[in-house]
Amino acid sequence: MFSIKEILDLAIQIEKNGEAIYRQAARRITHPVLVPLLEWLADEEARHAAWFAEKARVAADTFQTPVLEELNQGLLTQLVAGQSFSLEDADFTNMQTVAQLLAVSVAFEEDTVLFYEMLKPFIEDPATLAQLETIIADENRHIEKLQTFLESEAGVADACR
């Protein structure tokens, strides 16, 4: 069985993965408009990780959610099966265009939203649910910004070193 702390730890890792890879990409990209977008995305992911970390700290001390405690390993595994939740597998050295980087980033953000949407039915605390919905909205905004940039930069090559 997965505890709420383990689920929150997974959410923290998802956000940290995003932050680290967006920062790495921002250092490698030469596109003058994309760098600030990647830095902004990294900052957003860091903010989300901090929120989940605080929830995990509270969960370890006092917070108990019976429904989440009943969520068994098989169910969670089924929920996240096939979802990468990590940009670490992306080989940025082989990416030749901004479009390739953005497509991978959009997929990461979509996986993240899917995971958080799957968690919503198990959250009983209204304030926690409201904050998770805010984070989901943030992640959807990330997708919109990435897709907008992708559409405006279609076919641009040589942006990655």
C-alpha atoms as a PDB file:
ATOM      1  CA  MET A   1       0.000   0.000   0.000  1.00  0.00           C
ATOM      2  CA  PHE A   2       1.120   3.508  -0.747  1.00  0.00           C
ATOM      3  CA  SER A   3       0.808   6.084   1.977  1.00  0.00           C
ATOM      4  CA  ILE A   4      -0.076   9.699   1.320  1.00  0.00           C
ATOM      5  CA  LYS A   5       3.555  10.551   2.111  1.00  0.00           C
ATOM      6  CA  GLU A   6       4.766   8.233  -0.658  1.00  0.00           C
ATOM      7  CA  ILE A   7       2.319   9.759  -3.130  1.00  0.00           C
ATOM      8  CA  LEU A   8       3.416  13.257  -2.135  1.00  0.00           C
ATOM      9  CA  ASP A   9       7.051  12.206  -2.467  1.00  0.00           C
ATOM     10  CA  LEU A  10       6.282  11.103  -6.034  1.00  0.00           C
ATOM     11  CA  ALA A  11       4.679  14.489  -6.760  1.00  0.00           C
ATOM     12  CA  ILE A  12       7.744  16.237  -5.315  1.00  0.00           C
ATOM     13  CA  GLN A  13      10.023  14.162  -7.537  1.00  0.00           C
ATOM     14  CA  ILE A  14       7.905  14.924 -10.611  1.00  0.00           C
ATOM     15  CA  GLU A  15       8.219  18.640  -9.935  1.00  0.00           C
ATOM     16  CA  LYS A  16      11.943  18.431  -9.162  1.00  0.00           C
ATOM     17  CA  ASN A  17      12.520  16.494 -12.397  1.00  0.00           C
ATOM     18  CA  GLY A  18      10.775  19.223 -14.339  1.00  0.00           C
ATOM     19  CA  GLU A  19      12.678  21.995 -12.595  1.00  0.00           C
ATOM     20  CA  ALA A  20      16.066  20.355 -13.140  1.00  0.00           C
ATOM     21  CA  ILE A  21      15.506  19.618 -16.799  1.00  0.00           C
ATOM     22  CA  TYR A  22      14.038  23.038 -17.586  1.00  0.00           C
ATOM     23  CA  ARG A  23      17.072  24.661 -15.943  1.00  0.00           C
ATOM     24  CA  GLN A  24      19.423  22.367 -17.870  1.00  0.00           C
ATOM     25  CA  ALA A  25      17.645  23.147 -21.137  1.00  0.00           C
ATOM     26  CA  ALA A  26      17.743  26.900 -20.405  1.00  0.00           C
ATOM     27  CA  ARG A  27      21.531  26.664 -20.080  1.00  0.00           C
ATOM     28  CA  ARG A  28      21.850  24.782 -23.387  1.00  0.00           C
ATOM     29  CA  ILE A  29      19.397  26.710 -25.542  1.00  0.00           C
ATOM     30  CA  THR A  30      20.468  29.713 -27.592  1.00  0.00           C
ATOM     31  CA  HIS A  31      16.982  30.946 -28.484  1.00  0.00           C
ATOM     32  CA  PRO A  32      16.548  34.375 -26.804  1.00  0.00           C
ATOM     33  CA  VAL A  33      12.804  34.044 -26.167  1.00  0.00           C
ATOM     34  CA  LEU A  34      12.792  30.394 -25.105  1.00  0.00           C
ATOM     35  CA  VAL A  35      15.370  30.802 -22.307  1.00  0.00           C
ATOM     36  CA  PRO A  36      13.117  33.051 -20.148  1.00  0.00           C
ATOM     37  CA  LEU A  37      10.194  30.656 -20.734  1.00  0.00           C
ATOM     38  CA  LEU A  38      12.267  27.681 -19.570  1.00  0.00           C
ATOM     39  CA  GLU A  39      13.500  29.602 -16.523  1.00  0.00           C
ATOM     40  CA  TRP A  40       9.928  30.585 -15.660  1.00  0.00           C
ATOM     41  CA  LEU A  41       8.814  26.950 -16.007  1.00  0.00           C
ATOM     42  CA  ALA A  42      11.654  25.845 -13.707  1.00  0.00           C
ATOM     43  CA  ASP A  43      10.616  28.417 -11.100  1.00  0.00           C
ATOM     44  CA  GLU A  44       7.002  27.234 -11.317  1.00  0.00           C
ATOM     45  CA  GLU A  45       8.033  23.611 -10.815  1.00  0.00           C
ATOM     46  CA  ALA A  46      10.180  24.596  -7.808  1.00  0.00           C
ATOM     47  CA  ARG A  47       7.189  26.387  -6.270  1.00  0.00           C
ATOM     48  CA  HIS A  48       5.005  23.324  -6.788  1.00  0.00           C
ATOM     49  CA  ALA A  49       7.644  21.024  -5.263  1.00  0.00           C
ATOM     50  CA  ALA A  50       7.820  23.273  -2.195  1.00  0.00           C
ATOM     51  CA  TRP A  51       4.047  23.044  -1.727  1.00  0.00           C
ATOM     52  CA  PHE A  52       4.071  19.249  -2.031  1.00  0.00           C
ATOM     53  CA  ALA A  53       7.056  19.082   0.351  1.00  0.00           C
ATOM     54  CA  GLU A  54       5.123  21.042   2.972  1.00  0.00           C
ATOM     55  CA  LYS A  55       2.140  18.702   2.538  1.00  0.00           C
ATOM     56  CA  ALA A  56       4.486  15.703   2.914  1.00  0.00           C
ATOM     57  CA  ARG A  57       5.980  17.184   6.093  1.00  0.00           C
ATOM     58  CA  VAL A  58       2.526  17.693   7.571  1.00  0.00           C
ATOM     59  CA  ALA A  59       1.444  14.214   6.418  1.00  0.00           C
ATOM     60  CA  ALA A  60       4.378  12.613   8.178  1.00  0.00           C
ATOM     61  CA  ASP A  61       3.466  14.379  11.418  1.00  0.00           C
ATOM     62  CA  THR A  62      -0.309  14.576  11.580  1.00  0.00           C
ATOM     63  CA  PHE A  63      -2.232  14.332   8.318  1.00  0.00           C
ATOM     64  CA  GLN A  64      -4.117  11.120   7.700  1.00  0.00           C
ATOM     65  CA  THR A  65      -6.449  10.565   4.777  1.00  0.00           C
ATOM     66  CA  PRO A  66      -8.172   7.197   5.120  1.00  0.00           C
ATOM     67  CA  VAL A  67      -9.103   6.962   1.449  1.00  0.00           C
ATOM     68  CA  LEU A  68      -5.515   7.594   0.369  1.00  0.00           C
ATOM     69  CA  GLU A  69      -4.212   5.147   2.935  1.00  0.00           C
ATOM     70  CA  GLU A  70      -6.458   2.513   1.348  1.00  0.00           C
ATOM     71  CA  LEU A  71      -5.053   3.180  -2.118  1.00  0.00           C
ATOM     72  CA  ASN A  72      -3.128  -0.001  -2.798  1.00  0.00           C
ATOM     73  CA  GLN A  73       0.096  -0.396  -4.712  1.00  0.00           C
ATOM     74  CA  GLY A  74      -1.601  -2.131  -7.623  1.00  0.00           C
ATOM     75  CA  LEU A  75      -4.039   0.724  -8.152  1.00  0.00           C
ATOM     76  CA  LEU A  76      -1.363   3.413  -8.018  1.00  0.00           C
ATOM     77  CA  THR A  77       0.865   1.407 -10.320  1.00  0.00           C
ATOM     78  CA  GLN A  78      -2.020   1.054 -12.764  1.00  0.00           C
ATOM     79  CA  LEU A  79      -2.759   4.784 -12.556  1.00  0.00           C
ATOM     80  CA  VAL A  80       0.801   5.787 -13.412  1.00  0.00           C
ATOM     81  CA  ALA A  81       1.608   2.979 -15.856  1.00  0.00           C
ATOM     82  CA  GLY A  82       2.977   4.329 -19.087  1.00  0.00           C
ATOM     83  CA  GLN A  83       3.481   7.837 -17.733  1.00  0.00           C
ATOM     84  CA  SER A  84       7.061   9.076 -17.876  1.00  0.00           C
ATOM     85  CA  PHE A  85       6.821  11.959 -15.372  1.00  0.00           C
ATOM     86  CA  SER A  86      10.431  12.690 -16.183  1.00  0.00           C
ATOM     87  CA  LEU A  87      12.306  14.614 -18.790  1.00  0.00           C
ATOM     88  CA  GLU A  88      15.507  12.875 -17.738  1.00  0.00           C
ATOM     89  CA  ASP A  89      15.060  10.237 -20.442  1.00  0.00           C
ATOM     90  CA  ALA A  90      15.008  12.918 -23.122  1.00  0.00           C
ATOM     91  CA  ASP A  91      18.335  13.168 -24.925  1.00  0.00           C
ATOM     92  CA  PHE A  92      18.689  16.907 -25.445  1.00  0.00           C
ATOM     93  CA  THR A  93      22.008  16.426 -27.256  1.00  0.00           C
ATOM     94  CA  ASN A  94      20.166  14.771 -30.164  1.00  0.00           C
ATOM     95  CA  MET A  95      17.481  17.432 -30.399  1.00  0.00           C
ATOM     96  CA  GLN A  96      18.091  19.724 -33.311  1.00  0.00           C
ATOM     97  CA  THR A  97      15.096  22.020 -33.030  1.00  0.00           C
ATOM     98  CA  VAL A  98      13.134  23.985 -30.511  1.00  0.00           C
ATOM     99  CA  ALA A  99      10.092  22.034 -31.675  1.00  0.00           C
ATOM    100  CA  GLN A 100      11.592  18.741 -30.468  1.00  0.00           C
ATOM    101  CA  LEU A 101      12.360  20.175 -27.027  1.00  0.00           C
ATOM    102  CA  LEU A 102       8.920  21.722 -26.725  1.00  0.00           C
ATOM    103  CA  ALA A 103       7.115  18.550 -27.792  1.00  0.00           C
ATOM    104  CA  VAL A 104       8.901  16.537 -25.094  1.00  0.00           C
ATOM    105  CA  SER A 105       8.145  19.246 -22.526  1.00  0.00           C
ATOM    106  CA  VAL A 106       4.454  19.300 -23.444  1.00  0.00           C
ATOM    107  CA  ALA A 107       4.273  15.511 -23.001  1.00  0.00           C
ATOM    108  CA  PHE A 108       5.896  15.824 -19.564  1.00  0.00           C
ATOM    109  CA  GLU A 109       3.405  18.503 -18.500  1.00  0.00           C
ATOM    110  CA  GLU A 110       0.471  16.455 -19.814  1.00  0.00           C
ATOM    111  CA  ASP A 111       1.629  13.401 -17.841  1.00  0.00           C
ATOM    112  CA  THR A 112       1.904  15.565 -14.733  1.00  0.00           C
ATOM    113  CA  VAL A 113      -1.625  16.929 -15.153  1.00  0.00           C
ATOM    114  CA  LEU A 114      -2.949  13.413 -15.666  1.00  0.00           C
ATOM    115  CA  PHE A 115      -1.319  12.220 -12.436  1.00  0.00           C
ATOM    116  CA  TYR A 116      -2.691  15.142 -10.421  1.00  0.00           C
ATOM    117  CA  GLU A 117      -6.161  14.711 -11.915  1.00  0.00           C
ATOM    118  CA  MET A 118      -6.087  11.059 -10.841  1.00  0.00           C
ATOM    119  CA  LEU A 119      -5.284  12.129  -7.279  1.00  0.00           C
ATOM    120  CA  LYS A 120      -8.180  14.579  -6.937  1.00  0.00           C
ATOM    121  CA  PRO A 121     -10.896  12.032  -6.044  1.00  0.00           C
ATOM    122  CA  PHE A 122      -8.793  10.812  -3.130  1.00  0.00           C
ATOM    123  CA  ILE A 123      -8.322  14.219  -1.494  1.00  0.00           C
ATOM    124  CA  GLU A 124     -10.833  15.020   1.199  1.00  0.00           C
ATOM    125  CA  ASP A 125      -9.463  18.320   2.554  1.00  0.00           C
ATOM    126  CA  PRO A 126     -11.083  21.219   0.618  1.00  0.00           C
ATOM    127  CA  ALA A 127      -8.074  23.532   1.006  1.00  0.00           C
ATOM    128  CA  THR A 128      -5.672  20.868  -0.236  1.00  0.00           C
ATOM    129  CA  LEU A 129      -7.961  20.068  -3.149  1.00  0.00           C
ATOM    130  CA  ALA A 130      -8.219  23.759  -4.048  1.00  0.00           C
ATOM    131  CA  GLN A 131      -4.438  24.134  -4.047  1.00  0.00           C
ATOM    132  CA  LEU A 132      -4.010  20.989  -6.144  1.00  0.00           C
ATOM    133  CA  GLU A 133      -6.530  22.399  -8.621  1.00  0.00           C
ATOM    134  CA  THR A 134      -4.453  25.602  -8.723  1.00  0.00           C
ATOM    135  CA  ILE A 135      -1.343  23.551  -9.488  1.00  0.00           C
ATOM    136  CA  ILE A 136      -3.239  21.665 -12.207  1.00  0.00           C
ATOM    137  CA  ALA A 137      -4.264  25.019 -13.688  1.00  0.00           C
ATOM    138  CA  ASP A 138      -0.608  26.116 -13.538  1.00  0.00           C
ATOM    139  CA  GLU A 139       0.483  22.947 -15.338  1.00  0.00           C
ATOM    140  CA  ASN A 140      -2.200  23.478 -17.999  1.00  0.00           C
ATOM    141  CA  ARG A 141      -0.932  27.041 -18.413  1.00  0.00           C
ATOM    142  CA  HIS A 142       2.569  25.604 -18.921  1.00  0.00           C
ATOM    143  CA  ILE A 143       1.181  23.398 -21.693  1.00  0.00           C
ATOM    144  CA  GLU A 144      -0.541  26.368 -23.330  1.00  0.00           C
ATOM    145  CA  LYS A 145       2.625  28.487 -23.248  1.00  0.00           C
ATOM    146  CA  LEU A 146       4.754  25.646 -24.605  1.00  0.00           C
ATOM    147  CA  GLN A 147       2.245  24.893 -27.373  1.00  0.00           C
ATOM    148  CA  THR A 148       1.938  28.566 -28.282  1.00  0.00           C
ATOM    149  CA  PHE A 149       5.699  28.833 -28.514  1.00  0.00           C
ATOM    150  CA  LEU A 150       5.839  25.580 -30.469  1.00  0.00           C
ATOM    151  CA  GLU A 151       3.312  26.872 -32.988  1.00  0.00           C
ATOM    152  CA  SER A 152       5.172  30.164 -33.380  1.00  0.00           C
ATOM    153  CA  GLU A 153       8.533  28.422 -33.796  1.00  0.00           C
ATOM    154  CA  ALA A 154       7.489  25.553 -36.061  1.00  0.00           C
ATOM    155  CA  GLY A 155      10.391  24.447 -38.191  1.00  0.00           C
ATOM    156  CA  VAL A 156      13.084  26.432 -36.363  1.00  0.00           C
ATOM    157  CA  ALA A 157      16.336  24.471 -36.268  1.00  0.00           C
ATOM    158  CA  ASP A 158      19.680  24.965 -34.571  1.00  0.00           C
ATOM    159  CA  ALA A 159      18.267  26.262 -31.310  1.00  0.00           C
ATOM    160  CA  CYS A 160      19.803  23.474 -29.249  1.00  0.00           C
ATOM    161  CA  ARG A 161      23.557  23.116 -28.931  1.00  0.00           C
END
